[in-house]
Amino acid sequence: MAWTGPSDPAALDAAIGRAVQFYEVAKARDVEMVRRALAAMDTKGERTAALIAGGFHTDDIRELLIAKGVAVAVITPEASDEDDHDRYSRILKFKYGAGR
């Protein structure tokens, strides 16, 4: 895969900064999703629940739940087409990057 991003050092630094910020916000969202899910379970007196999230969030959410002492089972659908990853990347690139 060839690099198609900026070649100017300042533009590259800015792009890296945006990427870092994106992942920092994503991790903060993981923490908040777990906090809200556990709070809702507490409020309703539930001991079992399903939290549905995109694949990018799976590892962090699983680790956060385990750290809270929650038993976790991850169910992952099998992608039927290799284009699924490419499509996801294009959507993110358009929404958060060059497609604006």
Protein backbone atom coordinates (compact mmCIF):
# COMPACT_ATOMS: atom_id res chain seq x y z
CA MET A 1 0.00 0.00 0.00
CA ALA A 2 1.57 3.26 -1.11
CA TRP A 3 1.53 6.36 1.10
CA THR A 4 -0.97 8.88 -0.26
CA GLY A 5 -0.81 11.39 2.58
CA PRO A 6 0.96 14.73 2.75
CA SER A 7 4.68 14.93 2.02
CA ASP A 8 5.20 18.39 3.53
CA PRO A 9 6.62 17.89 7.08
CA ALA A 10 4.24 20.43 8.66
CA ALA A 11 1.22 18.87 6.95
CA LEU A 12 2.44 15.41 7.97
CA ASP A 13 2.80 16.55 11.61
CA ALA A 14 -0.74 17.96 11.49
CA ALA A 15 -2.09 14.71 10.03
CA ILE A 16 -0.32 12.69 12.73
CA GLY A 17 -1.74 15.02 15.37
CA ARG A 18 -5.28 14.46 14.04
CA ALA A 19 -4.74 10.70 14.01
CA VAL A 20 -3.46 10.70 17.59
CA GLN A 21 -6.42 12.84 18.67
CA PHE A 22 -8.84 10.45 16.91
CA TYR A 23 -7.46 7.47 18.84
CA GLU A 24 -7.40 9.35 22.15
CA VAL A 25 -11.06 10.26 21.70
CA ALA A 26 -11.88 6.68 20.72
CA LYS A 27 -10.27 5.38 23.93
CA ALA A 28 -12.20 7.96 25.97
CA ARG A 29 -15.39 6.77 24.27
CA ASP A 30 -14.54 3.18 25.28
CA VAL A 31 -14.23 4.24 28.93
CA GLU A 32 -17.52 6.14 28.77
CA MET A 33 -19.37 3.26 27.07
CA VAL A 34 -18.23 0.89 29.81
CA ARG A 35 -19.11 3.38 32.56
CA ARG A 36 -22.61 3.93 31.17
CA ALA A 37 -23.25 0.23 30.57
CA LEU A 38 -22.24 -0.70 34.12
CA ALA A 39 -24.24 2.21 35.57
CA ALA A 40 -27.34 1.13 33.63
CA MET A 41 -26.90 -2.44 34.85
CA ASP A 42 -26.58 -1.21 38.45
CA THR A 43 -29.64 1.02 38.14
CA LYS A 44 -31.75 -1.82 36.73
CA GLY A 45 -30.31 -4.50 38.99
CA GLU A 46 -29.08 -6.51 36.01
CA ARG A 47 -26.29 -9.03 36.29
CA THR A 48 -26.12 -9.90 32.59
CA ALA A 49 -26.09 -7.60 29.58
CA ALA A 50 -24.90 -7.31 26.00
CA LEU A 51 -22.79 -4.37 24.88
CA ILE A 52 -22.65 -4.05 21.11
CA ALA A 53 -19.77 -2.03 19.69
CA GLY A 54 -17.70 -1.86 16.54
CA GLY A 55 -14.70 -4.13 16.16
CA PHE A 56 -12.19 -1.33 16.69
CA HIS A 57 -13.42 -0.95 20.28
CA THR A 58 -13.53 -4.65 21.17
CA ASP A 59 -10.09 -5.11 22.75
CA ASP A 60 -10.19 -1.95 24.88
CA ILE A 61 -13.76 -2.52 26.05
CA ARG A 62 -12.98 -6.14 26.91
CA GLU A 63 -9.92 -5.07 28.93
CA LEU A 64 -11.86 -2.32 30.73
CA LEU A 65 -14.66 -4.73 31.68
CA ILE A 66 -12.23 -7.40 32.87
CA ALA A 67 -10.43 -4.78 34.99
CA LYS A 68 -13.82 -4.08 36.63
CA GLY A 69 -14.24 -7.79 37.42
CA VAL A 70 -16.83 -8.42 34.72
CA ALA A 71 -16.95 -11.78 32.97
CA VAL A 72 -16.75 -11.13 29.22
CA ALA A 73 -17.62 -13.11 26.12
CA VAL A 74 -16.87 -11.57 22.73
CA ILE A 75 -18.96 -12.58 19.73
CA THR A 76 -17.47 -11.50 16.43
CA PRO A 77 -19.19 -11.92 13.07
CA GLU A 78 -17.12 -13.31 10.27
CA ALA A 79 -16.67 -10.78 7.50
CA SER A 80 -17.89 -12.28 4.26
CA ASP A 81 -15.84 -10.08 1.99
CA GLU A 82 -12.32 -8.67 2.14
CA ASP A 83 -13.75 -5.37 0.93
CA ASP A 84 -15.39 -4.91 4.35
CA HIS A 85 -12.14 -3.55 5.80
CA ASP A 86 -11.50 -1.37 2.76
CA ARG A 87 -15.05 0.02 2.90
CA TYR A 88 -14.69 0.81 6.62
CA SER A 89 -11.37 2.56 5.96
CA ARG A 90 -12.88 4.63 3.13
CA ILE A 91 -15.79 5.70 5.36
CA LEU A 92 -13.44 6.80 8.15
CA LYS A 93 -11.14 8.56 5.71
CA PHE A 94 -14.06 10.46 4.19
CA LYS A 95 -15.65 11.31 7.54
CA TYR A 96 -12.48 12.29 9.40
CA GLY A 97 -9.90 13.02 6.76
CA ALA A 98 -9.40 14.00 3.20
CA GLY A 99 -13.06 13.69 2.19
CA ARG A 100 -14.20 16.70 4.18
